[in-house]
């Protein structure tokens, strides 16, 4: 993971908040649970101890993962950019699905931020890859697992 990975400013802030919570809230709580479980005696058959150690392992792994992601992050603040209607990383795109005749709004984000239910589309998804560098008014054909779909780019916002 030596290359920079794009992430929105909001996504980086969410990772930082999770990191602070893990270090200041979860880690001390888990350490206290381990100490309490140790006080109960025999560790071989102590389910509380093993559960707390498992939580500790998960939390420490997540801390390491977040620190790695943040160290390799290229933070993109879309509010400082204007690409004159061109679809770029971080922008919000309103699409018209010509097949279902529905309007859809997506924000193109990094892989860790993607959540299709919230309208956040991974930069590595087929739809996002097809949209990048296109302009408002363009019609884009995208091959997705369900077949080919056509989208018209209605509006591109940099918010």
Protein backbone atom coordinates (compact mmCIF):
# COMPACT_ATOMS: atom_id res chain seq x y z
CA UNK A 1 0.00 0.00 0.00
CA UNK A 2 2.72 2.46 -0.97
CA UNK A 3 0.62 4.52 -3.37
CA UNK A 4 -1.67 7.33 -2.28
CA UNK A 5 -5.34 6.43 -2.02
CA UNK A 6 -7.93 9.16 -2.66
CA UNK A 7 -10.35 9.98 0.14
CA UNK A 8 -12.72 12.90 0.62
CA UNK A 9 -12.12 15.38 3.44
CA UNK A 10 -15.29 14.13 5.14
CA UNK A 11 -14.14 10.51 4.87
CA UNK A 12 -10.74 11.34 6.37
CA UNK A 13 -12.43 13.17 9.25
CA UNK A 14 -14.67 10.16 9.94
CA UNK A 15 -11.61 7.88 10.06
CA UNK A 16 -9.86 10.29 12.46
CA UNK A 17 -12.94 10.36 14.72
CA UNK A 18 -13.11 6.56 14.76
CA UNK A 19 -9.39 6.40 15.59
CA UNK A 20 -9.80 8.81 18.51
CA UNK A 21 -12.78 6.83 19.81
CA UNK A 22 -10.90 3.55 19.57
CA UNK A 23 -7.87 4.95 21.39
CA UNK A 24 -9.61 7.01 24.08
CA UNK A 25 -12.84 5.11 24.76
CA UNK A 26 -12.69 1.52 23.52
CA UNK A 27 -9.07 0.70 24.37
CA UNK A 28 -9.31 1.78 28.06
CA UNK A 29 -12.67 -0.03 28.42
CA UNK A 30 -11.19 -3.24 27.03
CA UNK A 31 -8.10 -2.99 29.24
CA UNK A 32 -10.33 -2.59 32.28
CA UNK A 33 -12.40 -5.63 31.20
CA UNK A 34 -9.22 -7.71 30.85
CA UNK A 35 -8.02 -6.63 34.31
CA UNK A 36 -11.39 -7.49 35.83
CA UNK A 37 -11.47 -10.89 34.11
CA UNK A 38 -7.93 -11.64 35.33
CA UNK A 39 -9.03 -10.94 38.87
CA UNK A 40 -11.51 -13.81 38.59
CA UNK A 41 -8.70 -16.35 38.60
CA UNK A 42 -7.94 -19.22 36.20
CA UNK A 43 -7.53 -17.76 32.69
CA UNK A 44 -7.79 -21.09 30.82
CA UNK A 45 -11.52 -21.43 31.45
CA UNK A 46 -12.36 -17.76 31.82
CA UNK A 47 -14.77 -16.82 29.01
CA UNK A 48 -14.82 -13.14 30.01
CA UNK A 49 -11.04 -12.95 29.68
CA UNK A 50 -11.02 -14.61 26.26
CA UNK A 51 -13.86 -12.37 25.00
CA UNK A 52 -12.04 -9.24 26.23
CA UNK A 53 -8.78 -10.37 24.59
CA UNK A 54 -10.67 -10.95 21.34
CA UNK A 55 -12.13 -7.43 21.55
CA UNK A 56 -8.66 -6.07 22.23
CA UNK A 57 -7.27 -7.88 19.18
CA UNK A 58 -10.05 -6.49 16.98
CA UNK A 59 -9.64 -2.92 18.30
CA UNK A 60 -5.84 -2.93 17.94
CA UNK A 61 -6.16 -4.32 14.40
CA UNK A 62 -8.66 -1.63 13.47
CA UNK A 63 -6.40 1.08 14.96
CA UNK A 64 -3.49 -0.18 12.88
CA UNK A 65 -5.69 -0.36 9.76
CA UNK A 66 -6.99 3.21 10.16
CA UNK A 67 -3.51 4.60 10.85
CA UNK A 68 -2.27 2.87 7.68
CA UNK A 69 -5.14 4.24 5.61
CA UNK A 70 -4.63 7.78 6.88
CA UNK A 71 -0.87 7.61 6.26
CA UNK A 72 -1.50 6.65 2.63
CA UNK A 73 -4.48 8.94 2.06
CA UNK A 74 -4.58 11.66 -0.54
CA UNK A 75 -7.27 13.94 0.89
CA UNK A 76 -9.34 15.62 -1.80
CA UNK A 77 -11.38 18.66 -0.75
CA UNK A 78 -13.94 19.00 -3.52
CA UNK A 79 -15.20 22.35 -2.22
CA UNK A 80 -11.95 24.00 -3.37
CA UNK A 81 -12.29 22.68 -6.93
CA UNK A 82 -14.36 23.56 -9.93
CA UNK A 83 -13.88 21.36 -12.95
CA UNK A 84 -16.43 23.23 -15.09
CA UNK A 85 -19.05 20.51 -15.15
CA UNK A 86 -16.61 17.61 -15.47
CA UNK A 87 -17.10 14.56 -13.26
CA UNK A 88 -14.14 14.20 -10.87
CA UNK A 89 -13.42 12.36 -7.62
CA UNK A 90 -15.51 13.72 -4.75
CA UNK A 91 -18.15 15.45 -6.85
CA UNK A 92 -21.88 14.78 -6.59
CA UNK A 93 -23.50 13.66 -9.83
CA UNK A 94 -27.17 13.68 -10.69
CA UNK A 95 -27.93 11.04 -13.29
CA UNK A 96 -31.00 10.15 -15.29
CA UNK A 97 -31.23 6.38 -15.77
CA UNK A 98 -32.57 6.07 -19.30
CA UNK A 99 -33.59 2.44 -18.77
CA UNK A 100 -35.70 2.88 -15.62
CA UNK A 101 -36.41 6.59 -16.27
CA UNK A 102 -35.41 7.49 -12.70
CA UNK A 103 -33.18 10.22 -11.36
CA UNK A 104 -30.25 9.06 -9.19
CA UNK A 105 -27.74 11.11 -7.19
CA UNK A 106 -24.28 9.73 -6.34
CA UNK A 107 -21.19 11.17 -4.74
CA UNK A 108 -18.01 9.58 -6.07
CA UNK A 109 -15.86 8.66 -3.06
CA UNK A 110 -12.98 6.45 -2.00
CA UNK A 111 -13.43 2.74 -1.54
CA UNK A 112 -13.58 2.94 2.27
CA UNK A 113 -16.31 5.59 2.19
CA UNK A 114 -18.58 3.87 -0.33
CA UNK A 115 -22.15 3.19 0.79
CA UNK A 116 -24.58 2.78 -2.07
CA UNK A 117 -27.61 3.09 0.25
CA UNK A 118 -26.41 6.59 1.19
CA UNK A 119 -25.60 7.53 -2.41
CA UNK A 120 -21.82 7.24 -2.02
CA UNK A 121 -20.34 5.38 -4.98
CA UNK A 122 -16.82 3.90 -4.93
CA UNK A 123 -14.38 5.40 -7.42
CA UNK A 124 -13.56 1.80 -8.40
CA UNK A 125 -17.14 0.87 -9.31
CA UNK A 126 -18.02 0.40 -13.00
CA UNK A 127 -20.45 3.35 -12.95
CA UNK A 128 -17.95 5.76 -11.36
CA UNK A 129 -15.16 4.69 -13.71
CA UNK A 130 -17.44 5.32 -16.69
CA UNK A 131 -18.48 8.75 -15.38
CA UNK A 132 -15.01 10.16 -14.58
CA UNK A 133 -13.98 12.97 -16.97
CA UNK A 134 -17.43 13.13 -18.60
CA UNK A 135 -19.40 16.39 -18.70
CA UNK A 136 -22.92 17.56 -17.87
CA UNK A 137 -25.22 16.51 -20.72
CA UNK A 138 -23.14 13.47 -21.74
CA UNK A 139 -24.83 10.09 -22.06
CA UNK A 140 -22.75 7.25 -20.65
CA UNK A 141 -23.24 3.54 -21.34
CA UNK A 142 -22.06 1.38 -18.44
CA UNK A 143 -21.62 -2.37 -18.36
CA UNK A 144 -22.71 -3.54 -14.91
CA UNK A 145 -23.25 -7.08 -13.58
CA UNK A 146 -26.92 -6.85 -14.60
CA UNK A 147 -26.12 -5.84 -18.20
CA UNK A 148 -25.65 -2.50 -19.94
CA UNK A 149 -27.26 0.66 -18.58
CA UNK A 150 -27.37 4.18 -20.00
CA UNK A 151 -27.15 7.30 -17.85
CA UNK A 152 -27.42 10.95 -18.81
CA UNK A 153 -25.37 13.29 -16.63
CA UNK A 154 -27.92 15.93 -15.55
CA UNK A 155 -25.82 17.94 -13.09
CA UNK A 156 -22.37 17.87 -11.49
CA UNK A 157 -21.95 19.59 -8.12
CA UNK A 158 -18.74 20.28 -6.20
CA UNK A 159 -20.03 20.38 -2.62
